[in-house]
PDB file of N, CA and C in Angstrom:
ATOM      1  N   MET A   1      30.444 -55.557  27.826  1.00  0.00           N
ATOM      2  CA  MET A   1      29.349 -55.069  27.007  1.00  0.00           C
ATOM      3  C   MET A   1      29.377 -53.548  26.966  1.00  0.00           C
ATOM      4  N   LEU A   2      28.925 -52.994  25.877  1.00  0.00           N
ATOM      5  CA  LEU A   2      28.875 -51.544  25.690  1.00  0.00           C
ATOM      6  C   LEU A   2      27.702 -50.925  26.438  1.00  0.00           C
ATOM      7  N   ASP A   3      27.886 -49.687  26.872  1.00  0.00           N
ATOM      8  CA  ASP A   3      26.801 -48.927  27.471  1.00  0.00           C
ATOM      9  C   ASP A   3      26.109 -48.055  26.429  1.00  0.00           C
ATOM     10  N   GLN A   4      26.909 -47.526  25.492  1.00  0.00           N
ATOM     11  CA  GLN A   4      26.312 -46.667  24.488  1.00  0.00           C
ATOM     12  C   GLN A   4      27.140 -46.651  23.211  1.00  0.00           C
ATOM     13  N   ILE A   5      26.457 -46.317  22.122  1.00  0.00           N
ATOM     14  CA  ILE A   5      27.099 -46.138  20.828  1.00  0.00           C
ATOM     15  C   ILE A   5      26.729 -44.746  20.347  1.00  0.00           C
ATOM     16  N   ILE A   6      27.724 -44.029  19.848  1.00  0.00           N
ATOM     17  CA  ILE A   6      27.510 -42.688  19.335  1.00  0.00           C
ATOM     18  C   ILE A   6      27.771 -42.702  17.831  1.00  0.00           C
ATOM     19  N   LEU A   7      26.805 -42.181  17.087  1.00  0.00           N
ATOM     20  CA  LEU A   7      26.924 -42.067  15.633  1.00  0.00           C
ATOM     21  C   LEU A   7      27.089 -40.590  15.291  1.00  0.00           C
ATOM     22  N   ILE A   8      28.101 -40.276  14.491  1.00  0.00           N
ATOM     23  CA  ILE A   8      28.307 -38.898  14.056  1.00  0.00           C
ATOM     24  C   ILE A   8      28.370 -38.911  12.531  1.00  0.00           C
ATOM     25  N   ASP A   9      27.339 -38.344  11.917  1.00  0.00           N
ATOM     26  CA  ASP A   9      27.237 -38.317  10.458  1.00  0.00           C
ATOM     27  C   ASP A   9      26.358 -37.144  10.065  1.00  0.00           C
ATOM     28  N   ASP A  10      26.764 -36.391   9.056  1.00  0.00           N
ATOM     29  CA  ASP A  10      25.971 -35.244   8.629  1.00  0.00           C
ATOM     30  C   ASP A  10      24.732 -35.640   7.827  1.00  0.00           C
ATOM     31  N   ASP A  11      24.616 -36.913   7.488  1.00  0.00           N
ATOM     32  CA  ASP A  11      23.445 -37.413   6.763  1.00  0.00           C
ATOM     33  C   ASP A  11      22.484 -38.045   7.766  1.00  0.00           C
ATOM     34  N   ASN A  12      21.391 -37.344   8.067  1.00  0.00           N
ATOM     35  CA  ASN A  12      20.455 -37.813   9.089  1.00  0.00           C
ATOM     36  C   ASN A  12      19.798 -39.134   8.723  1.00  0.00           C
ATOM     37  N   ILE A  13      19.588 -39.392   7.446  1.00  0.00           N
ATOM     38  CA  ILE A  13      18.988 -40.668   7.028  1.00  0.00           C
ATOM     39  C   ILE A  13      19.909 -41.822   7.393  1.00  0.00           C
ATOM     40  N   VAL A  14      21.197 -41.639   7.199  1.00  0.00           N
ATOM     41  CA  VAL A  14      22.170 -42.671   7.583  1.00  0.00           C
ATOM     42  C   VAL A  14      22.115 -42.901   9.087  1.00  0.00           C
ATOM     43  N   ASN A  15      22.006 -41.835   9.866  1.00  0.00           N
ATOM     44  CA  ASN A  15      21.916 -41.979  11.326  1.00  0.00           C
ATOM     45  C   ASN A  15      20.664 -42.747  11.731  1.00  0.00           C
ATOM     46  N   VAL A  16      19.534 -42.463  11.093  1.00  0.00           N
ATOM     47  CA  VAL A  16      18.285 -43.159  11.426  1.00  0.00           C
ATOM     48  C   VAL A  16      18.394 -44.646  11.092  1.00  0.00           C
ATOM     49  N   ILE A  17      18.901 -44.951   9.905  1.00  0.00           N
ATOM     50  CA  ILE A  17      19.041 -46.356   9.487  1.00  0.00           C
ATOM     51  C   ILE A  17      19.993 -47.103  10.414  1.00  0.00           C
ATOM     52  N   ASN A  18      21.140 -46.500  10.696  1.00  0.00           N
ATOM     53  CA  ASN A  18      22.113 -47.158  11.571  1.00  0.00           C
ATOM     54  C   ASN A  18      21.579 -47.325  12.988  1.00  0.00           C
ATOM     55  N   THR A  19      20.836 -46.341  13.488  1.00  0.00           N
ATOM     56  CA  THR A  19      20.248 -46.454  14.826  1.00  0.00           C
ATOM     57  C   THR A  19      19.275 -47.624  14.888  1.00  0.00           C
ATOM     58  N   LYS A  20      18.404 -47.745  13.898  1.00  0.00           N
ATOM     59  CA  LYS A  20      17.447 -48.856  13.873  1.00  0.00           C
ATOM     60  C   LYS A  20      18.166 -50.203  13.788  1.00  0.00           C
ATOM     61  N   PHE A  21      19.192 -50.261  12.964  1.00  0.00           N
ATOM     62  CA  PHE A  21      19.968 -51.496  12.814  1.00  0.00           C
ATOM     63  C   PHE A  21      20.638 -51.887  14.128  1.00  0.00           C
ATOM     64  N   ILE A  22      21.282 -50.934  14.775  1.00  0.00           N
ATOM     65  CA  ILE A  22      21.965 -51.209  16.046  1.00  0.00           C
ATOM     66  C   ILE A  22      20.960 -51.597  17.120  1.00  0.00           C
ATOM     67  N   ASN A  23      19.816 -50.914  17.173  1.00  0.00           N
ATOM     68  CA  ASN A  23      18.802 -51.237  18.179  1.00  0.00           C
ATOM     69  C   ASN A  23      18.270 -52.657  18.024  1.00  0.00           C
ATOM     70  N   LYS A  24      18.197 -53.157  16.798  1.00  0.00           N
ATOM     71  CA  LYS A  24      17.767 -54.542  16.595  1.00  0.00           C
ATOM     72  C   LYS A  24      18.833 -55.532  17.050  1.00  0.00           C
ATOM     73  N   LEU A  25      20.096 -55.213  16.761  1.00  0.00           N
ATOM     74  CA  LEU A  25      21.187 -56.112  17.128  1.00  0.00           C
ATOM     75  C   LEU A  25      21.553 -56.042  18.606  1.00  0.00           C
ATOM     76  N   LEU A  26      21.514 -54.836  19.157  1.00  0.00           N
ATOM     77  CA  LEU A  26      21.942 -54.607  20.544  1.00  0.00           C
ATOM     78  C   LEU A  26      20.876 -53.786  21.274  1.00  0.00           C
ATOM     79  N   PRO A  27      19.754 -54.396  21.616  1.00  0.00           N
ATOM     80  CA  PRO A  27      18.643 -53.635  22.201  1.00  0.00           C
ATOM     81  C   PRO A  27      18.948 -53.012  23.565  1.00  0.00           C
ATOM     82  N   ASP A  28      19.944 -53.499  24.269  1.00  0.00           N
ATOM     83  CA  ASP A  28      20.264 -52.962  25.593  1.00  0.00           C
ATOM     84  C   ASP A  28      21.262 -51.806  25.553  1.00  0.00           C
ATOM     85  N   VAL A  29      21.743 -51.468  24.359  1.00  0.00           N
ATOM     86  CA  VAL A  29      22.738 -50.413  24.221  1.00  0.00           C
ATOM     87  C   VAL A  29      22.046 -49.112  23.816  1.00  0.00           C
ATOM     88  N   ASN A  30      22.366 -48.036  24.518  1.00  0.00           N
ATOM     89  CA  ASN A  30      21.829 -46.721  24.209  1.00  0.00           C
ATOM     90  C   ASN A  30      22.545 -46.170  22.977  1.00  0.00           C
ATOM     91  N   VAL A  31      21.782 -45.688  21.989  1.00  0.00           N
ATOM     92  CA  VAL A  31      22.358 -45.127  20.770  1.00  0.00           C
ATOM     93  C   VAL A  31      22.034 -43.643  20.716  1.00  0.00           C
ATOM     94  N   LYS A  32      23.066 -42.838  20.525  1.00  0.00           N
ATOM     95  CA  LYS A  32      22.894 -41.399  20.355  1.00  0.00           C
ATOM     96  C   LYS A  32      23.487 -41.031  18.998  1.00  0.00           C
ATOM     97  N   SER A  33      22.827 -40.126  18.296  1.00  0.00           N
ATOM     98  CA  SER A  33      23.359 -39.700  17.008  1.00  0.00           C
ATOM     99  C   SER A  33      23.447 -38.179  16.953  1.00  0.00           C
ATOM    100  N   PHE A  34      24.441 -37.717  16.219  1.00  0.00           N
ATOM    101  CA  PHE A  34      24.684 -36.285  16.049  1.00  0.00           C
ATOM    102  C   PHE A  34      24.940 -36.011  14.577  1.00  0.00           C
ATOM    103  N   ASP A  35      24.493 -34.839  14.113  1.00  0.00           N
ATOM    104  CA  ASP A  35      24.651 -34.519  12.696  1.00  0.00           C
ATOM    105  C   ASP A  35      25.870 -33.651  12.400  1.00  0.00           C
ATOM    106  N   SER A  36      26.715 -33.451  13.410  1.00  0.00           N
ATOM    107  CA  SER A  36      27.977 -32.737  13.171  1.00  0.00           C
ATOM    108  C   SER A  36      29.022 -33.205  14.174  1.00  0.00           C
ATOM    109  N   GLY A  37      30.255 -33.098  13.757  1.00  0.00           N
ATOM    110  CA  GLY A  37      31.352 -33.468  14.645  1.00  0.00           C
ATOM    111  C   GLY A  37      31.405 -32.582  15.875  1.00  0.00           C
ATOM    112  N   GLU A  38      31.065 -31.311  15.702  1.00  0.00           N
ATOM    113  CA  GLU A  38      31.094 -30.382  16.827  1.00  0.00           C
ATOM    114  C   GLU A  38      30.087 -30.778  17.906  1.00  0.00           C
ATOM    115  N   LYS A  39      28.863 -31.137  17.496  1.00  0.00           N
ATOM    116  CA  LYS A  39      27.848 -31.554  18.468  1.00  0.00           C
ATOM    117  C   LYS A  39      28.263 -32.847  19.171  1.00  0.00           C
ATOM    118  N   GLY A  40      28.824 -33.766  18.411  1.00  0.00           N
ATOM    119  CA  GLY A  40      29.293 -35.018  19.005  1.00  0.00           C
ATOM    120  C   GLY A  40      30.419 -34.781  19.996  1.00  0.00           C
ATOM    121  N   LEU A  41      31.328 -33.894  19.640  1.00  0.00           N
ATOM    122  CA  LEU A  41      32.454 -33.581  20.522  1.00  0.00           C
ATOM    123  C   LEU A  41      31.986 -32.906  21.804  1.00  0.00           C
ATOM    124  N   VAL A  42      31.035 -31.994  21.697  1.00  0.00           N
ATOM    125  CA  VAL A  42      30.487 -31.337  22.897  1.00  0.00           C
ATOM    126  C   VAL A  42      29.894 -32.385  23.831  1.00  0.00           C
ATOM    127  N   TYR A  43      29.153 -33.338  23.259  1.00  0.00           N
ATOM    128  CA  TYR A  43      28.566 -34.400  24.088  1.00  0.00           C
ATOM    129  C   TYR A  43      29.666 -35.241  24.739  1.00  0.00           C
ATOM    130  N   LEU A  44      30.662 -35.635  23.968  1.00  0.00           N
ATOM    131  CA  LEU A  44      31.742 -36.462  24.517  1.00  0.00           C
ATOM    132  C   LEU A  44      32.489 -35.737  25.631  1.00  0.00           C
ATOM    133  N   ILE A  45      32.741 -34.459  25.453  1.00  0.00           N
ATOM    134  CA  ILE A  45      33.416 -33.680  26.496  1.00  0.00           C
ATOM    135  C   ILE A  45      32.550 -33.614  27.751  1.00  0.00           C
ATOM    136  N   SER A  46      31.236 -33.473  27.570  1.00  0.00           N
ATOM    137  CA  SER A  46      30.342 -33.369  28.727  1.00  0.00           C
ATOM    138  C   SER A  46      30.277 -34.664  29.528  1.00  0.00           C
ATOM    139  N   MET A  47      30.582 -35.784  28.898  1.00  0.00           N
ATOM    140  CA  MET A  47      30.508 -37.063  29.605  1.00  0.00           C
ATOM    141  C   MET A  47      31.891 -37.655  29.891  1.00  0.00           C
ATOM    142  N   GLN A  48      32.936 -36.832  29.835  1.00  0.00           N
ATOM    143  CA  GLN A  48      34.288 -37.343  29.994  1.00  0.00           C
ATOM    144  C   GLN A  48      34.559 -37.968  31.362  1.00  0.00           C
ATOM    145  N   ASP A  49      33.799 -37.601  32.373  1.00  0.00           N
ATOM    146  CA  ASP A  49      33.981 -38.196  33.694  1.00  0.00           C
ATOM    147  C   ASP A  49      33.122 -39.437  33.897  1.00  0.00           C
ATOM    148  N   SER A  50      32.340 -39.765  32.895  1.00  0.00           N
ATOM    149  CA  SER A  50      31.453 -40.927  32.969  1.00  0.00           C
ATOM    150  C   SER A  50      32.261 -42.216  32.826  1.00  0.00           C
ATOM    151  N   LEU A  51      31.759 -43.258  33.422  1.00  0.00           N
ATOM    152  CA  LEU A  51      32.419 -44.562  33.310  1.00  0.00           C
ATOM    153  C   LEU A  51      31.748 -45.435  32.253  1.00  0.00           C
ATOM    154  N   LYS A  52      30.930 -44.821  31.402  1.00  0.00           N
ATOM    155  CA  LYS A  52      30.238 -45.576  30.360  1.00  0.00           C
ATOM    156  C   LYS A  52      31.218 -46.069  29.299  1.00  0.00           C
ATOM    157  N   LYS A  53      31.026 -47.320  28.908  1.00  0.00           N
ATOM    158  CA  LYS A  53      31.799 -47.875  27.806  1.00  0.00           C
ATOM    159  C   LYS A  53      31.124 -47.427  26.520  1.00  0.00           C
ATOM    160  N   THR A  54      31.857 -46.663  25.707  1.00  0.00           N
ATOM    161  CA  THR A  54      31.262 -46.004  24.549  1.00  0.00           C
ATOM    162  C   THR A  54      32.036 -46.343  23.282  1.00  0.00           C
ATOM    163  N   LEU A  55      31.281 -46.649  22.230  1.00  0.00           N
ATOM    164  CA  LEU A  55      31.839 -46.867  20.902  1.00  0.00           C
ATOM    165  C   LEU A  55      31.359 -45.725  20.021  1.00  0.00           C
ATOM    166  N   VAL A  56      32.288 -45.098  19.284  1.00  0.00           N
ATOM    167  CA  VAL A  56      31.940 -43.967  18.430  1.00  0.00           C
ATOM    168  C   VAL A  56      32.175 -44.352  16.975  1.00  0.00           C
ATOM    169  N   PHE A  57      31.132 -44.153  16.151  1.00  0.00           N
ATOM    170  CA  PHE A  57      31.254 -44.301  14.703  1.00  0.00           C
ATOM    171  C   PHE A  57      31.235 -42.898  14.117  1.00  0.00           C
ATOM    172  N   LEU A  58      32.321 -42.528  13.446  1.00  0.00           N
ATOM    173  CA  LEU A  58      32.476 -41.183  12.912  1.00  0.00           C
ATOM    174  C   LEU A  58      32.606 -41.251  11.395  1.00  0.00           C
ATOM    175  N   ASP A  59      31.722 -40.530  10.711  1.00  0.00           N
ATOM    176  CA  ASP A  59      31.779 -40.437   9.256  1.00  0.00           C
ATOM    177  C   ASP A  59      32.797 -39.370   8.889  1.00  0.00           C
ATOM    178  N   ILE A  60      33.828 -39.779   8.182  1.00  0.00           N
ATOM    179  CA  ILE A  60      34.869 -38.828   7.768  1.00  0.00           C
ATOM    180  C   ILE A  60      34.926 -38.821   6.248  1.00  0.00           C
ATOM    181  N   ILE A  61      34.802 -37.647   5.686  1.00  0.00           N
ATOM    182  CA  ILE A  61      34.911 -37.498   4.232  1.00  0.00           C
ATOM    183  C   ILE A  61      36.149 -36.672   3.954  1.00  0.00           C
ATOM    184  N   CYS A  62      36.994 -37.193   3.112  1.00  0.00           N
ATOM    185  CA  CYS A  62      38.212 -36.477   2.732  1.00  0.00           C
ATOM    186  C   CYS A  62      38.027 -35.999   1.293  1.00  0.00           C
ATOM    187  N   ARG A  63      37.910 -34.710   1.151  1.00  0.00           N
ATOM    188  CA  ARG A  63      37.754 -34.128  -0.188  1.00  0.00           C
ATOM    189  C   ARG A  63      39.068 -33.503  -0.608  1.00  0.00           C
ATOM    190  N   LEU A  64      39.511 -33.876  -1.755  1.00  0.00           N
ATOM    191  CA  LEU A  64      40.783 -33.352  -2.267  1.00  0.00           C
ATOM    192  C   LEU A  64      40.545 -32.244  -3.265  1.00  0.00           C
TER     193      LEU A  64
END
């Protein structure tokens, strides 16, 4: 089982909707959201010694 899920998306409304959805499906999993890749990366680096099982959803937009 997962310990936490991390959402990284620059659209805060998407983060709120996804957090509510995940909390309904997986109420025992901690959900953290970040509005930039840099903030998410800082958090991930800070917890690199943690033994938490973590799933990361990253919004990637490729603009040509």
